[in-house]
Protein backbone atom coordinates (compact mmCIF):
# COMPACT_ATOMS: atom_id res chain seq x y z
CA MET A 1 19.84 11.45 10.36
CA PRO A 2 17.51 12.80 13.06
CA ASP A 3 16.73 10.76 16.16
CA ILE A 4 13.46 8.98 15.32
CA TYR A 5 11.85 5.78 16.53
CA LEU A 6 8.37 4.46 17.33
CA ARG A 7 7.58 3.81 20.98
CA ARG A 8 4.87 1.17 21.34
CA ARG A 9 2.03 1.80 23.78
CA ASN A 10 1.65 -0.37 26.85
CA ILE A 11 -1.47 -2.53 26.70
CA THR A 12 -3.97 -2.05 29.53
CA LYS A 13 -3.41 -4.52 32.36
CA SER A 14 -6.87 -6.06 32.57
CA THR A 15 -8.78 -9.14 31.50
CA SER A 16 -8.88 -7.83 27.94
CA ARG A 17 -6.32 -10.23 26.52
CA HIS A 18 -7.00 -13.38 28.55
CA LEU A 19 -8.14 -15.37 25.51
CA LYS A 20 -4.71 -14.95 23.89
CA LYS A 21 -3.14 -17.33 26.36
CA HIS A 22 -5.10 -20.10 24.62
CA ALA A 23 -3.52 -19.39 21.22
CA SER A 24 -2.36 -22.57 19.48
CA ASN A 25 -2.24 -23.92 15.96
CA VAL A 26 -3.32 -27.16 14.37
CA THR A 27 -3.84 -25.72 10.89
CA SER A 28 -4.37 -22.03 11.72
CA GLN A 29 -1.62 -19.42 11.30
CA PHE A 30 -1.39 -17.30 14.45
CA GLY A 31 -3.04 -19.33 17.19
CA GLU A 32 -6.62 -18.99 15.96
CA ASP A 33 -7.44 -22.69 16.53
CA GLY A 34 -6.85 -22.42 20.26
CA ILE A 35 -8.61 -19.08 20.64
CA ILE A 36 -11.70 -20.29 18.76
CA GLN A 37 -11.92 -23.35 20.98
CA ALA A 38 -11.52 -21.21 24.12
CA ILE A 39 -14.41 -18.98 23.01
CA ILE A 40 -16.57 -22.04 22.29
CA ASP A 41 -15.72 -23.50 25.68
CA ILE A 42 -16.99 -20.28 27.30
CA ILE A 43 -20.16 -19.54 25.31
CA GLY A 44 -20.95 -23.09 24.21
CA ALA A 45 -21.78 -24.39 20.75
CA LYS A 46 -25.42 -24.09 19.75
CA ASN A 47 -25.58 -26.19 16.58
CA ASN A 48 -21.97 -27.15 15.65
CA TRP A 49 -22.06 -25.47 12.24
CA CYS A 50 -19.33 -23.31 10.69
CA VAL A 51 -18.55 -21.46 7.46
CA GLU A 52 -15.14 -20.53 6.05
CA PHE A 53 -14.01 -18.66 2.92
CA GLY A 54 -11.68 -18.55 1.10
CA ALA A 55 -11.23 -22.06 2.26
CA TRP A 56 -8.18 -22.84 0.06
CA ASP A 57 -7.78 -26.64 0.20
CA GLY A 58 -9.64 -26.96 3.50
CA LYS A 59 -6.51 -27.41 5.59
CA TYR A 60 -3.87 -24.81 4.70
CA LEU A 61 -4.14 -21.97 7.26
CA SER A 62 -7.70 -23.14 8.00
CA ASN A 63 -9.61 -21.94 11.06
CA THR A 64 -12.24 -24.69 10.75
CA TRP A 65 -10.29 -27.87 9.94
CA THR A 66 -10.10 -29.01 13.56
CA LEU A 67 -13.82 -28.43 14.17
CA LEU A 68 -14.85 -30.30 11.03
CA ASN A 69 -12.41 -33.20 11.28
CA ASP A 70 -11.74 -33.71 14.98
CA ARG A 71 -14.99 -32.54 16.55
CA ASN A 72 -17.49 -33.73 13.91
CA TRP A 73 -18.92 -30.30 13.15
CA SER A 74 -20.94 -29.59 10.01
CA GLY A 75 -19.89 -26.82 7.69
CA VAL A 76 -19.96 -24.93 4.42
CA LEU A 77 -16.58 -24.25 2.80
CA ILE A 78 -16.44 -21.74 -0.04
CA GLU A 79 -13.56 -21.34 -2.47
CA GLY A 80 -13.40 -19.51 -5.80
CA ASN A 81 -10.51 -21.44 -7.31
CA ALA A 82 -11.78 -24.58 -9.09
CA ASP A 83 -8.57 -26.58 -8.51
CA ARG A 84 -8.72 -25.89 -4.78
CA VAL A 85 -12.40 -26.85 -4.71
CA ALA A 86 -11.47 -30.33 -5.93
CA LYS A 87 -8.97 -30.63 -3.07
CA LEU A 88 -11.60 -29.37 -0.64
CA GLU A 89 -14.04 -32.04 -1.71
CA GLU A 90 -11.39 -34.75 -1.45
CA ALA A 91 -10.25 -33.58 2.00
CA HIS A 92 -13.79 -33.65 3.39
CA ARG A 93 -15.15 -36.67 1.56
CA GLY A 94 -17.51 -38.56 3.85
CA GLY A 95 -17.95 -35.67 6.26
CA ASN A 96 -20.94 -33.40 6.74
CA VAL A 97 -19.39 -30.60 4.70
CA THR A 98 -20.90 -28.71 1.79
CA VAL A 99 -18.33 -27.31 -0.65
CA LYS A 100 -19.20 -24.30 -2.78
CA ASN A 101 -17.22 -23.10 -5.79
CA ALA A 102 -17.94 -19.36 -5.54
CA PHE A 103 -16.44 -15.96 -4.89
CA VAL A 104 -18.23 -14.36 -1.96
CA GLY A 105 -19.12 -10.74 -2.65
CA TRP A 106 -21.41 -7.99 -1.45
CA SER A 107 -24.25 -7.83 -3.95
CA GLY A 108 -26.80 -10.06 -5.68
CA ASP A 109 -26.11 -13.77 -5.98
CA ASN A 110 -22.57 -13.34 -4.64
CA THR A 111 -23.52 -12.42 -1.08
CA LEU A 112 -23.02 -15.00 1.62
CA ASP A 113 -26.77 -14.88 2.24
CA ALA A 114 -27.41 -16.01 -1.33
CA ILE A 115 -24.67 -18.65 -1.39
CA LEU A 116 -25.87 -20.26 1.83
CA SER A 117 -29.55 -20.10 0.95
CA ASP A 118 -29.70 -23.62 -0.54
CA THR A 119 -27.76 -25.28 2.29
CA ALA A 120 -29.02 -26.78 5.55
CA ILE A 121 -27.04 -24.38 7.72
CA PRO A 122 -29.07 -22.63 10.48
CA GLN A 123 -29.29 -18.85 10.51
CA ASP A 124 -27.51 -18.63 13.86
CA PHE A 125 -24.65 -20.99 13.03
CA ASP A 126 -21.77 -21.03 15.49
CA LEU A 127 -18.70 -19.79 13.58
CA LEU A 128 -17.92 -17.70 10.51
CA SER A 129 -14.32 -17.30 9.30
CA ILE A 130 -13.65 -14.61 6.65
CA ASP A 131 -10.25 -14.37 4.98
CA ILE A 132 -10.25 -13.07 1.42
CA ASP A 133 -7.32 -10.64 1.57
CA GLY A 134 -9.15 -7.44 0.76
CA ASN A 135 -12.91 -7.10 0.67
CA ASP A 136 -13.56 -8.80 4.02
CA PHE A 137 -15.26 -5.66 5.43
CA HIS A 138 -17.69 -5.34 2.52
CA VAL A 139 -18.63 -9.01 2.62
CA TRP A 140 -19.38 -8.96 6.36
CA LYS A 141 -21.33 -5.71 6.03
CA GLU A 142 -23.76 -7.27 3.56
CA ILE A 143 -24.52 -10.42 5.57
CA ARG A 144 -28.07 -9.74 6.73
CA LYS A 145 -30.00 -13.02 6.81
CA TYR A 146 -27.48 -15.00 8.86
CA GLU A 147 -26.21 -14.15 12.33
CA PRO A 148 -23.20 -16.29 13.25
CA ARG A 149 -22.46 -16.37 16.98
CA ILE A 150 -18.68 -16.01 16.47
CA VAL A 151 -17.00 -14.12 13.62
CA VAL A 152 -13.28 -14.39 12.85
CA ILE A 153 -12.23 -11.84 10.25
CA GLU A 154 -8.94 -10.61 8.83
CA PHE A 155 -7.73 -7.01 9.08
CA ASN A 156 -4.69 -5.17 7.74
CA PRO A 157 -2.15 -5.20 10.60
CA THR A 158 -0.12 -2.32 9.18
CA ALA A 159 -2.98 0.09 10.04
CA SER A 160 -2.65 1.64 13.49
CA ASN A 161 -5.34 1.47 16.15
CA GLN A 162 -6.19 5.09 15.40
CA LEU A 163 -6.68 4.64 11.66
CA TYR A 164 -10.09 4.03 10.08
CA PHE A 165 -9.37 2.50 6.67
CA VAL A 166 -11.54 0.47 4.30
CA GLN A 167 -10.50 -0.30 0.74
CA ASP A 168 -12.88 0.37 -2.14
CA PRO A 169 -15.34 -2.50 -2.79
CA ASP A 170 -13.54 -3.97 -5.78
CA PRO A 171 -12.74 -7.66 -6.43
CA ASP A 172 -9.51 -6.63 -8.18
CA ILE A 173 -8.12 -4.77 -5.13
CA ASN A 174 -6.29 -6.42 -2.24
CA GLN A 175 -5.73 -3.76 0.43
CA GLY A 176 -7.93 -4.78 3.33
CA CYS A 177 -9.27 -2.70 6.19
CA SER A 178 -8.19 -1.57 9.63
CA LEU A 179 -9.17 -3.17 12.91
CA LEU A 180 -10.87 0.07 13.95
CA ALA A 181 -13.14 -0.14 10.89
CA LEU A 182 -14.13 -3.72 11.75
CA ILE A 183 -14.87 -2.81 15.37
CA GLU A 184 -17.21 -0.01 14.28
CA LEU A 185 -18.91 -2.27 11.72
CA GLY A 186 -19.22 -5.01 14.31
CA LYS A 187 -20.99 -2.70 16.76
CA LEU A 188 -23.43 -1.67 14.03
CA LYS A 189 -24.17 -5.35 13.38
CA GLY A 190 -24.50 -6.21 17.07
CA TYR A 191 -21.06 -7.73 17.79
CA GLU A 192 -18.31 -7.07 20.32
CA LEU A 193 -14.56 -7.64 19.95
CA VAL A 194 -13.19 -10.33 22.29
CA CYS A 195 -9.67 -11.05 20.98
CA THR A 196 -7.14 -10.37 18.23
CA THR A 197 -4.11 -12.06 16.75
CA ILE A 198 -1.64 -10.12 14.62
CA ILE A 199 -4.02 -10.32 11.65
CA ASN A 200 -7.43 -11.63 12.79
CA ALA A 201 -10.19 -10.15 14.95
CA PHE A 202 -12.62 -12.30 16.96
CA PHE A 203 -16.16 -11.06 17.60
CA VAL A 204 -19.08 -12.56 19.47
CA ILE A 205 -22.69 -11.54 19.21
CA LYS A 206 -23.45 -8.82 21.76
CA GLU A 207 -25.73 -10.79 24.07
CA LEU A 208 -22.98 -13.39 24.57
CA PHE A 209 -20.23 -10.84 25.27
CA PRO A 210 -20.76 -10.71 29.08
CA LEU A 211 -19.94 -14.43 29.27
CA ILE A 212 -16.39 -13.75 28.04
CA GLY A 213 -15.55 -11.73 31.17
CA ILE A 214 -13.71 -8.84 29.57
CA ASP A 215 -13.77 -5.60 31.54
CA ASP A 216 -12.38 -3.39 28.75
CA ASN A 217 -12.60 -4.26 25.06
CA SER A 218 -11.47 -0.90 23.73
CA ILE A 219 -9.11 -1.22 20.78
CA ASP A 220 -5.94 -0.28 22.66
CA ALA A 221 -6.75 -2.72 25.46
CA MET A 222 -7.44 -5.53 23.00
CA HIS A 223 -4.77 -5.15 20.34
CA GLU A 224 -1.05 -4.50 20.46
CA GLU A 225 0.27 -3.04 17.22
CA GLU A 226 3.21 -5.01 15.87
CA ILE A 227 3.87 -3.96 12.28
CA THR A 228 2.59 -0.40 12.04
CA ALA A 229 4.58 2.67 11.00
CA GLU A 230 4.14 6.39 11.53
CA ILE A 231 5.28 9.33 9.46
CA CYS A 232 5.75 13.02 10.12
CA HIS A 233 7.24 15.81 8.06
CA GLY A 234 9.71 18.54 8.85
CA TYR A 235 9.15 22.25 8.30
CA ASP A 236 11.32 21.91 5.20
CA GLY A 237 9.10 19.21 3.63
CA THR A 238 11.28 16.23 4.55
CA VAL A 239 9.18 13.15 5.38
CA PHE A 240 10.29 10.93 8.28
CA ALA A 241 9.10 7.38 8.95
CA ALA A 242 9.50 5.07 11.92
CA GLY A 243 8.28 1.63 12.90
CA HIS A 244 7.65 -1.18 10.43
CA THR A 245 9.09 0.61 7.41
CA ARG A 246 8.74 -2.06 4.75
CA LEU A 247 6.23 -3.30 2.19
CA ASN A 248 5.33 -6.29 4.30
CA TRP A 249 3.79 -8.65 1.71
CA HIS A 250 6.41 -7.84 -0.90
CA GLY A 251 9.36 -8.18 1.46
CA ILE A 252 10.80 -4.80 0.46
CA ALA A 253 12.49 -2.61 3.06
CA LEU A 254 11.85 1.13 2.65
CA THR A 255 14.51 3.75 3.31
CA GLN A 256 13.83 7.30 4.47
CA GLU A 257 14.48 8.48 0.92
CA ASP A 258 11.68 6.24 -0.41
CA TYR A 259 9.14 8.39 1.48
CA GLN A 260 10.23 11.71 0.01
CA LEU A 261 7.85 13.66 -2.22
CA LEU A 262 10.19 16.60 -2.76
CA PRO A 263 13.67 16.40 -4.29
CA LYS A 264 16.48 17.44 -1.94
CA ASN A 265 16.93 20.84 -3.52
CA MET A 266 13.29 21.72 -2.71
CA ARG A 267 13.38 20.58 0.93
CA LYS A 268 13.72 24.02 2.43
CA TYR A 269 11.64 25.90 4.97
CA PRO A 270 9.48 28.26 2.85
CA GLY A 271 9.49 30.95 5.55
């Protein structure tokens, strides 16, 4: 086998990652609870309203549970699975939480704008958490009426910082999008990146960004790639891979042979 490995880039030594030191979990997965609270401590809460979807049962891997239950926030929780909706309603019984049984999409009555239209939530509510394992980009793109002050949104962590990738807008596809794609969309919508975990990006509305005190929020300064892979190919057509060479969500390790398009007898330099 040839000598091949992936050397990770050094992250810029600046204030770019200072929010990560606040990472901690109550119900979140990768420290989002602590980072969200740190951002709120810096920019302040304007109305103490939040939205999360898919909300699951309201607690499992939730980014809003602590705000709604420990800090008396109001919120709208949206979940497409009817059984989970029943658990949501039970978990938040007696609180100021509106539960919606819906799949958030990017057109017509399925947009977040439409789903929130009959609730009491203000247009500039404090926090939006998007985690639907695929069409997150398309859903955020089509939010036009509401302007949450903080947006937490999932990206595909196997995409490198240099890769712009957005899956097709299709409810039957679960592929996700790259962080780079979300950063570009965020800028178009008036948001700036302030932190990342391995799988979530944190944005604040542009006019609040100076309060965070970040001197460089370029993608390489903000995010350290952890489970990306790179490929190259030899002059003979052999494909080489290095880095996180596995189908992450299926738990399947990939060998060098799994990447080959040509059978061995065809891997020859054509010159």
